[in-house]
N, C-alpha and C. Protein backbone atom coordinates (compact mmCIF):
# COMPACT_ATOMS: atom_id res chain seq x y z
N MET A 1 72.55 220.98 122.65
CA MET A 1 72.00 219.81 123.31
C MET A 1 72.29 218.54 122.51
N ARG A 2 72.15 218.64 121.18
CA ARG A 2 72.40 217.48 120.33
C ARG A 2 73.86 217.05 120.42
N THR A 3 74.79 218.00 120.49
CA THR A 3 76.21 217.70 120.62
C THR A 3 76.49 216.99 121.94
N THR A 4 75.85 217.44 123.01
CA THR A 4 76.02 216.80 124.33
C THR A 4 75.53 215.36 124.29
N PHE A 5 74.34 215.16 123.66
CA PHE A 5 73.80 213.81 123.56
C PHE A 5 74.74 212.91 122.76
N SER A 6 75.29 213.41 121.65
CA SER A 6 76.23 212.63 120.83
C SER A 6 77.48 212.28 121.62
N ALA A 7 77.99 213.23 122.39
CA ALA A 7 79.18 212.98 123.20
C ALA A 7 78.91 211.92 124.26
N ILE A 8 77.74 211.97 124.87
CA ILE A 8 77.38 210.97 125.88
C ILE A 8 77.25 209.59 125.23
N ALA A 9 76.62 209.54 124.05
CA ALA A 9 76.46 208.26 123.35
C ALA A 9 77.82 207.67 122.98
N VAL A 10 78.74 208.49 122.47
CA VAL A 10 80.08 208.01 122.13
C VAL A 10 80.80 207.51 123.37
N PHE A 11 80.69 208.24 124.48
CA PHE A 11 81.32 207.83 125.73
C PHE A 11 80.78 206.49 126.20
N PHE A 12 79.44 206.31 126.10
CA PHE A 12 78.81 205.06 126.53
C PHE A 12 79.30 203.89 125.69
N ILE A 13 79.38 204.08 124.37
CA ILE A 13 79.86 203.02 123.47
C ILE A 13 81.31 202.68 123.78
N MET A 14 82.14 203.70 123.99
CA MET A 14 83.55 203.45 124.30
C MET A 14 83.70 202.74 125.64
N ALA A 15 82.88 203.10 126.62
CA ALA A 15 82.95 202.45 127.93
C ALA A 15 82.56 200.99 127.82
N GLN A 16 81.54 200.68 126.99
CA GLN A 16 81.13 199.29 126.81
C GLN A 16 82.23 198.47 126.16
N SER A 17 82.84 199.00 125.11
CA SER A 17 83.88 198.24 124.43
C SER A 17 85.13 198.12 125.28
N ALA A 18 85.36 199.08 126.18
CA ALA A 18 86.53 199.01 127.05
C ALA A 18 86.39 197.88 128.06
N SER A 19 85.14 197.47 128.36
CA SER A 19 84.95 196.40 129.34
C SER A 19 85.36 195.04 128.78
N ALA A 20 85.44 194.94 127.47
CA ALA A 20 85.86 193.69 126.85
C ALA A 20 87.38 193.62 126.86
N GLY A 21 87.92 192.48 127.30
CA GLY A 21 89.36 192.27 127.25
C GLY A 21 89.78 192.01 125.81
N GLN A 22 91.04 192.18 125.53
CA GLN A 22 91.54 191.95 124.18
C GLN A 22 92.76 191.05 124.24
N ILE A 23 92.83 190.12 123.30
CA ILE A 23 93.97 189.23 123.24
C ILE A 23 94.40 189.08 121.79
N TRP A 24 95.70 189.10 121.57
CA TRP A 24 96.28 188.91 120.24
C TRP A 24 96.81 187.49 120.13
N LEU A 25 96.48 186.82 119.04
CA LEU A 25 97.01 185.49 118.75
C LEU A 25 97.72 185.55 117.41
N THR A 26 98.68 184.65 117.23
CA THR A 26 99.34 184.51 115.95
C THR A 26 98.81 183.24 115.31
N MET A 27 98.50 183.33 114.02
CA MET A 27 97.96 182.19 113.29
C MET A 27 98.87 180.97 113.45
N ASP A 28 98.25 179.80 113.65
CA ASP A 28 98.93 178.51 113.77
C ASP A 28 99.76 178.39 115.05
N GLN A 29 99.46 179.19 116.04
CA GLN A 29 100.17 179.10 117.32
C GLN A 29 99.16 179.05 118.46
N VAL A 30 99.57 178.42 119.55
CA VAL A 30 98.74 178.27 120.74
C VAL A 30 99.24 179.21 121.82
N ARG A 31 98.31 179.77 122.55
CA ARG A 31 98.67 180.66 123.66
C ARG A 31 97.83 180.28 124.88
N PRO A 32 98.46 180.05 126.02
CA PRO A 32 97.69 179.75 127.23
C PRO A 32 96.99 181.00 127.75
N TYR A 33 95.83 180.80 128.38
CA TYR A 33 95.07 181.91 128.95
C TYR A 33 94.46 181.44 130.26
N LYS A 34 94.66 182.24 131.33
CA LYS A 34 94.11 181.90 132.64
C LYS A 34 92.92 182.80 132.93
N LEU A 35 91.80 182.18 133.27
CA LEU A 35 90.58 182.91 133.60
C LEU A 35 90.61 183.36 135.06
N GLU A 36 90.03 184.53 135.32
CA GLU A 36 89.96 185.02 136.71
C GLU A 36 88.95 184.21 137.51
N ASN A 37 87.86 183.80 136.85
CA ASN A 37 86.80 183.03 137.51
C ASN A 37 86.56 181.74 136.72
N PRO A 38 86.16 180.67 137.40
CA PRO A 38 85.90 179.41 136.69
C PRO A 38 84.81 179.58 135.62
N ALA A 39 85.00 178.91 134.49
CA ALA A 39 84.04 178.99 133.39
C ALA A 39 83.18 177.74 133.34
N GLN A 40 81.93 177.93 132.99
CA GLN A 40 81.02 176.82 132.79
C GLN A 40 80.74 176.60 131.30
N LYS A 41 80.70 177.73 130.55
CA LYS A 41 80.39 177.67 129.12
C LYS A 41 81.22 178.71 128.38
N ILE A 42 81.69 178.33 127.18
CA ILE A 42 82.49 179.23 126.35
C ILE A 42 81.88 179.24 124.96
N VAL A 43 81.66 180.44 124.42
CA VAL A 43 81.10 180.59 123.08
C VAL A 43 82.08 181.41 122.24
N ILE A 44 82.44 180.86 121.08
CA ILE A 44 83.38 181.53 120.17
C ILE A 44 82.59 182.14 119.03
N GLY A 45 82.79 183.42 118.80
CA GLY A 45 82.05 184.12 117.75
C GLY A 45 82.27 183.50 116.37
N ASN A 46 83.51 183.30 115.98
CA ASN A 46 83.83 182.71 114.67
C ASN A 46 84.93 181.68 114.86
N PRO A 47 84.55 180.41 115.00
CA PRO A 47 85.55 179.37 115.23
C PRO A 47 86.48 179.10 114.06
N SER A 48 86.25 179.73 112.91
CA SER A 48 87.21 179.57 111.81
C SER A 48 88.38 180.54 111.97
N ILE A 49 88.25 181.52 112.88
CA ILE A 49 89.34 182.47 113.14
C ILE A 49 90.15 182.03 114.36
N ALA A 50 89.48 181.63 115.42
CA ALA A 50 90.17 181.21 116.65
C ALA A 50 89.41 180.06 117.29
N ASP A 51 90.12 179.26 118.06
CA ASP A 51 89.51 178.14 118.75
C ASP A 51 90.09 178.05 120.15
N VAL A 52 89.42 177.29 121.00
CA VAL A 52 89.83 177.17 122.40
C VAL A 52 89.81 175.70 122.79
N THR A 53 90.84 175.27 123.50
CA THR A 53 90.85 173.97 124.15
C THR A 53 90.79 174.23 125.65
N VAL A 54 89.86 173.59 126.33
CA VAL A 54 89.68 173.80 127.76
C VAL A 54 90.54 172.79 128.52
N GLU A 55 91.49 173.31 129.29
CA GLU A 55 92.34 172.45 130.12
C GLU A 55 91.60 172.10 131.42
N ASP A 56 91.04 173.09 132.07
CA ASP A 56 90.18 172.93 133.23
C ASP A 56 89.32 174.19 133.32
N SER A 57 88.57 174.38 134.41
CA SER A 57 87.62 175.50 134.47
C SER A 57 88.28 176.87 134.48
N GLN A 58 89.61 176.95 134.67
CA GLN A 58 90.26 178.25 134.69
C GLN A 58 91.45 178.38 133.73
N HIS A 59 91.74 177.33 132.98
CA HIS A 59 92.89 177.37 132.07
C HIS A 59 92.47 176.96 130.65
N LEU A 60 92.75 177.85 129.70
CA LEU A 60 92.41 177.61 128.30
C LEU A 60 93.67 177.65 127.46
N LEU A 61 93.62 176.98 126.32
CA LEU A 61 94.64 177.12 125.29
C LEU A 61 93.93 177.72 124.09
N MET A 62 94.36 178.91 123.67
CA MET A 62 93.75 179.59 122.54
C MET A 62 94.61 179.40 121.31
N PHE A 63 93.94 179.10 120.20
CA PHE A 63 94.62 178.78 118.96
C PHE A 63 94.16 179.72 117.85
N GLY A 64 95.11 180.41 117.22
CA GLY A 64 94.79 181.28 116.10
C GLY A 64 94.74 180.48 114.81
N LYS A 65 93.57 180.43 114.17
CA LYS A 65 93.40 179.64 112.96
C LYS A 65 93.60 180.44 111.68
N ALA A 66 93.06 181.65 111.63
CA ALA A 66 93.13 182.47 110.42
C ALA A 66 93.14 183.94 110.82
N PRO A 67 93.79 184.79 110.04
CA PRO A 67 93.80 186.20 110.38
C PRO A 67 92.38 186.77 110.42
N GLY A 68 92.12 187.58 111.41
CA GLY A 68 90.80 188.19 111.51
C GLY A 68 90.48 188.61 112.93
N LEU A 69 89.23 188.94 113.14
CA LEU A 69 88.74 189.44 114.42
C LEU A 69 87.50 188.66 114.80
N THR A 70 87.44 188.22 116.05
CA THR A 70 86.26 187.55 116.58
C THR A 70 86.19 187.86 118.07
N ASN A 71 85.27 187.23 118.75
CA ASN A 71 85.21 187.39 120.20
C ASN A 71 84.87 186.06 120.86
N ILE A 72 85.14 186.00 122.15
CA ILE A 72 84.84 184.81 122.94
C ILE A 72 84.12 185.25 124.20
N TYR A 73 82.92 184.71 124.42
CA TYR A 73 82.18 184.97 125.64
C TYR A 73 82.40 183.81 126.59
N ILE A 74 82.62 184.13 127.85
CA ILE A 74 82.83 183.11 128.88
C ILE A 74 81.76 183.32 129.95
N PHE A 75 81.05 182.24 130.28
CA PHE A 75 79.95 182.30 131.22
C PHE A 75 80.26 181.46 132.46
N ASN A 76 79.75 181.88 133.62
CA ASN A 76 79.92 181.11 134.85
C ASN A 76 78.77 180.11 134.99
N GLU A 77 78.74 179.39 136.10
CA GLU A 77 77.72 178.35 136.29
C GLU A 77 76.31 178.91 136.42
N ASP A 78 76.18 180.21 136.73
CA ASP A 78 74.86 180.85 136.80
C ASP A 78 74.42 181.40 135.46
N GLY A 79 75.24 181.22 134.41
CA GLY A 79 74.91 181.71 133.09
C GLY A 79 75.24 183.17 132.87
N GLU A 80 75.94 183.78 133.82
CA GLU A 80 76.31 185.19 133.71
C GLU A 80 77.64 185.31 132.96
N THR A 81 77.76 186.37 132.17
CA THR A 81 78.99 186.62 131.43
C THR A 81 80.08 187.04 132.41
N THR A 82 81.19 186.33 132.40
CA THR A 82 82.33 186.72 133.24
C THR A 82 83.40 187.43 132.43
N GLU A 83 83.50 187.10 131.14
CA GLU A 83 84.47 187.76 130.26
C GLU A 83 83.94 187.79 128.84
N ASN A 84 84.28 188.87 128.15
CA ASN A 84 84.04 188.99 126.71
C ASN A 84 85.38 189.39 126.11
N LEU A 85 86.07 188.43 125.53
CA LEU A 85 87.39 188.69 124.97
C LEU A 85 87.30 189.01 123.49
N VAL A 86 87.87 190.12 123.09
CA VAL A 86 88.03 190.43 121.68
C VAL A 86 89.32 189.75 121.26
N VAL A 87 89.22 188.87 120.26
CA VAL A 87 90.38 188.09 119.82
C VAL A 87 90.79 188.55 118.43
N ARG A 88 92.04 188.99 118.32
CA ARG A 88 92.60 189.42 117.04
C ARG A 88 93.69 188.42 116.65
N VAL A 89 93.53 187.82 115.49
CA VAL A 89 94.51 186.85 115.01
C VAL A 89 95.27 187.47 113.85
N ARG A 90 96.59 187.44 113.96
CA ARG A 90 97.45 188.01 112.92
C ARG A 90 98.27 186.90 112.27
N SER A 91 98.69 187.17 111.05
CA SER A 91 99.57 186.23 110.36
C SER A 91 100.97 186.36 110.94
N PRO A 92 101.72 185.26 110.94
CA PRO A 92 103.12 185.40 111.35
C PRO A 92 103.85 186.26 110.33
N SER A 93 104.62 187.21 110.80
CA SER A 93 105.25 188.14 109.84
C SER A 93 106.72 187.82 109.61
N THR A 94 107.38 187.22 110.57
CA THR A 94 108.79 186.93 110.37
C THR A 94 108.93 185.66 109.54
N ASP A 95 109.91 185.62 108.71
CA ASP A 95 110.22 184.46 107.88
C ASP A 95 109.14 184.11 106.87
N MET A 96 108.22 185.05 106.60
CA MET A 96 107.17 184.81 105.62
C MET A 96 107.37 185.73 104.43
N LEU A 97 107.14 185.19 103.24
CA LEU A 97 107.24 185.95 102.00
C LEU A 97 105.94 185.77 101.23
N THR A 98 105.34 186.87 100.80
CA THR A 98 104.10 186.81 100.02
C THR A 98 104.39 187.29 98.61
N VAL A 99 104.03 186.47 97.61
CA VAL A 99 104.25 186.81 96.22
C VAL A 99 102.89 187.01 95.55
N HIS A 100 102.73 188.17 94.90
CA HIS A 100 101.50 188.47 94.18
C HIS A 100 101.78 188.40 92.68
N ARG A 101 100.98 187.59 91.97
CA ARG A 101 101.03 187.51 90.51
C ARG A 101 99.64 187.92 90.03
N GLY A 102 99.47 189.21 89.77
CA GLY A 102 98.14 189.72 89.48
C GLY A 102 97.30 189.59 90.73
N VAL A 103 96.17 188.91 90.65
CA VAL A 103 95.32 188.72 91.83
C VAL A 103 95.66 187.43 92.58
N ALA A 104 96.52 186.60 92.02
CA ALA A 104 96.90 185.33 92.66
C ALA A 104 98.01 185.58 93.68
N ARG A 105 97.78 185.15 94.90
CA ARG A 105 98.75 185.32 95.97
C ARG A 105 99.24 183.96 96.44
N THR A 106 100.55 183.85 96.69
CA THR A 106 101.14 182.63 97.24
C THR A 106 102.05 183.05 98.39
N THR A 107 101.98 182.29 99.50
CA THR A 107 102.78 182.60 100.67
C THR A 107 103.83 181.53 100.87
N TYR A 108 105.03 181.97 101.22
CA TYR A 108 106.16 181.07 101.45
C TYR A 108 106.67 181.25 102.86
N ASN A 109 107.05 180.14 103.48
CA ASN A 109 107.73 180.17 104.77
C ASN A 109 109.22 180.05 104.45
N CYS A 110 109.99 181.06 104.87
CA CYS A 110 111.42 181.10 104.52
C CYS A 110 112.29 180.94 105.76
N THR A 111 111.97 179.96 106.62
CA THR A 111 112.76 179.72 107.82
C THR A 111 114.19 179.35 107.44
N THR A 112 114.36 178.34 106.59
CA THR A 112 115.69 178.00 106.07
C THR A 112 115.68 178.15 104.55
N ASN A 113 114.80 177.43 103.88
CA ASN A 113 114.57 177.57 102.45
C ASN A 113 113.13 178.05 102.28
N CYS A 114 112.86 178.84 101.27
CA CYS A 114 111.49 179.30 101.04
C CYS A 114 110.65 178.17 100.46
N GLU A 115 109.60 177.78 101.20
CA GLU A 115 108.70 176.71 100.78
C GLU A 115 107.27 177.21 100.87
N THR A 116 106.45 176.80 99.91
CA THR A 116 105.06 177.20 99.90
C THR A 116 104.39 176.71 101.17
N THR A 117 103.55 177.56 101.75
CA THR A 117 102.83 177.19 102.96
C THR A 117 101.35 177.44 102.76
N ILE A 118 100.53 176.85 103.59
CA ILE A 118 99.08 177.02 103.49
C ILE A 118 98.70 178.28 104.26
N THR A 119 98.16 179.27 103.55
CA THR A 119 97.74 180.51 104.18
C THR A 119 96.38 180.92 103.63
N VAL A 120 95.44 181.17 104.53
CA VAL A 120 94.11 181.59 104.12
C VAL A 120 94.23 182.86 103.29
N GLY A 121 93.56 182.88 102.14
CA GLY A 121 93.61 184.02 101.24
C GLY A 121 94.52 183.82 100.05
N ASP A 122 95.31 182.75 100.06
CA ASP A 122 96.19 182.47 98.93
C ASP A 122 95.38 181.97 97.73
N ASP A 123 96.03 181.97 96.56
CA ASP A 123 95.43 181.46 95.34
C ASP A 123 94.91 180.04 95.60
N PRO A 124 93.66 179.74 95.25
CA PRO A 124 93.09 178.42 95.52
C PRO A 124 93.92 177.25 94.98
N ALA A 125 94.51 177.40 93.80
CA ALA A 125 95.30 176.30 93.22
C ALA A 125 96.54 176.04 94.06
N ALA A 126 97.24 177.08 94.47
CA ALA A 126 98.43 176.91 95.31
C ALA A 126 98.05 176.35 96.67
N PHE A 127 96.97 176.87 97.24
CA PHE A 127 96.50 176.42 98.56
C PHE A 127 96.14 174.93 98.50
N GLN A 128 95.37 174.54 97.48
CA GLN A 128 94.95 173.14 97.36
C GLN A 128 96.12 172.22 97.10
N GLY A 129 97.09 172.66 96.30
CA GLY A 129 98.28 171.85 96.03
C GLY A 129 99.05 171.53 97.29
N VAL A 130 99.28 172.53 98.13
CA VAL A 130 100.00 172.31 99.39
C VAL A 130 99.15 171.48 100.34
N SER A 131 97.84 171.77 100.39
CA SER A 131 96.94 171.00 101.27
C SER A 131 96.97 169.51 100.92
N ASP A 132 96.92 169.21 99.62
CA ASP A 132 96.96 167.81 99.16
C ASP A 132 98.27 167.14 99.57
N GLN A 133 99.39 167.84 99.43
CA GLN A 133 100.68 167.28 99.82
C GLN A 133 100.74 167.01 101.32
N VAL A 134 100.24 167.94 102.11
CA VAL A 134 100.23 167.75 103.56
C VAL A 134 99.36 166.57 103.94
N LEU A 135 98.18 166.46 103.33
CA LEU A 135 97.28 165.35 103.61
C LEU A 135 97.92 164.01 103.23
N ASN A 136 98.57 163.96 102.06
CA ASN A 136 99.26 162.73 101.64
C ASN A 136 100.35 162.34 102.63
N LYS A 137 101.11 163.32 103.07
CA LYS A 137 102.18 163.04 104.04
C LYS A 137 101.60 162.52 105.35
N PHE A 138 100.53 163.15 105.81
CA PHE A 138 99.87 162.72 107.04
C PHE A 138 99.33 161.30 106.91
N THR A 139 98.72 161.00 105.78
CA THR A 139 98.17 159.67 105.53
C THR A 139 99.28 158.62 105.52
N GLN A 140 100.40 158.93 104.88
CA GLN A 140 101.53 158.01 104.85
C GLN A 140 102.09 157.79 106.25
N ALA A 141 102.22 158.86 107.02
CA ALA A 141 102.75 158.73 108.38
C ALA A 141 101.81 157.91 109.26
N ALA A 142 100.50 158.15 109.12
CA ALA A 142 99.53 157.40 109.91
C ALA A 142 99.55 155.93 109.52
N GLY A 143 99.70 155.65 108.22
CA GLY A 143 99.78 154.26 107.74
C GLY A 143 101.02 153.57 108.27
N ALA A 144 102.16 154.28 108.27
CA ALA A 144 103.41 153.71 108.78
C ALA A 144 103.31 153.45 110.28
N ALA A 145 102.68 154.33 111.01
CA ALA A 145 102.53 154.14 112.45
C ALA A 145 101.60 152.96 112.73
N SER A 146 100.54 152.84 111.94
CA SER A 146 99.61 151.72 112.10
C SER A 146 100.31 150.39 111.80
N ALA A 147 101.11 150.36 110.75
CA ALA A 147 101.84 149.13 110.38
C ALA A 147 102.84 148.77 111.47
N ALA A 148 103.50 149.75 112.05
CA ALA A 148 104.47 149.49 113.13
C ALA A 148 103.75 148.93 114.36
N GLY A 149 102.55 149.46 114.64
CA GLY A 149 101.76 148.96 115.76
C GLY A 149 101.29 147.54 115.54
N ASP A 150 100.93 147.19 114.28
CA ASP A 150 100.51 145.84 113.96
C ASP A 150 101.65 144.85 114.14
N GLU A 151 102.89 145.26 113.77
CA GLU A 151 104.05 144.39 113.92
C GLU A 151 104.35 144.12 115.38
N GLU A 152 104.14 145.13 116.25
CA GLU A 152 104.40 144.96 117.68
C GLU A 152 103.38 144.00 118.30
N ASN A 153 102.16 143.99 117.78
CA ASN A 153 101.11 143.15 118.32
C ASN A 153 101.22 141.69 117.88
N GLU A 154 102.10 141.41 116.92
CA GLU A 154 102.22 140.02 116.44
C GLU A 154 103.06 139.18 117.33
């Protein structure tokens, strides 16, 4: 009897998890997703792993932020769950090189030349160094665009 009960419990758990849809995202990439029913509210389990941009009530853009697993609940205008998506975010595997020096990890993007890239889980010093460079570049580009706009307004 106990074996039968355990089998029924396992079947019930598997049936519940099977009702959730699953979607794979690649880190730093966007993927469009079309909902079967219009959404009124969207809740992301862990927004540091994946995020969503709402195009309209039936079209989403899903963005993989960091490798990991989370879920997204989608509710209709009556507050009922219409979808529960299990979202798995993976690191891009092609053109990437990971170097381990003891416990310190550094990731390189080797599309043409191998260059250090920002990857969650890398050594904090390497991660911060690349982050600072990217921020400086962005700040310079924004300043140049602002200066060009000021010249046009004169």
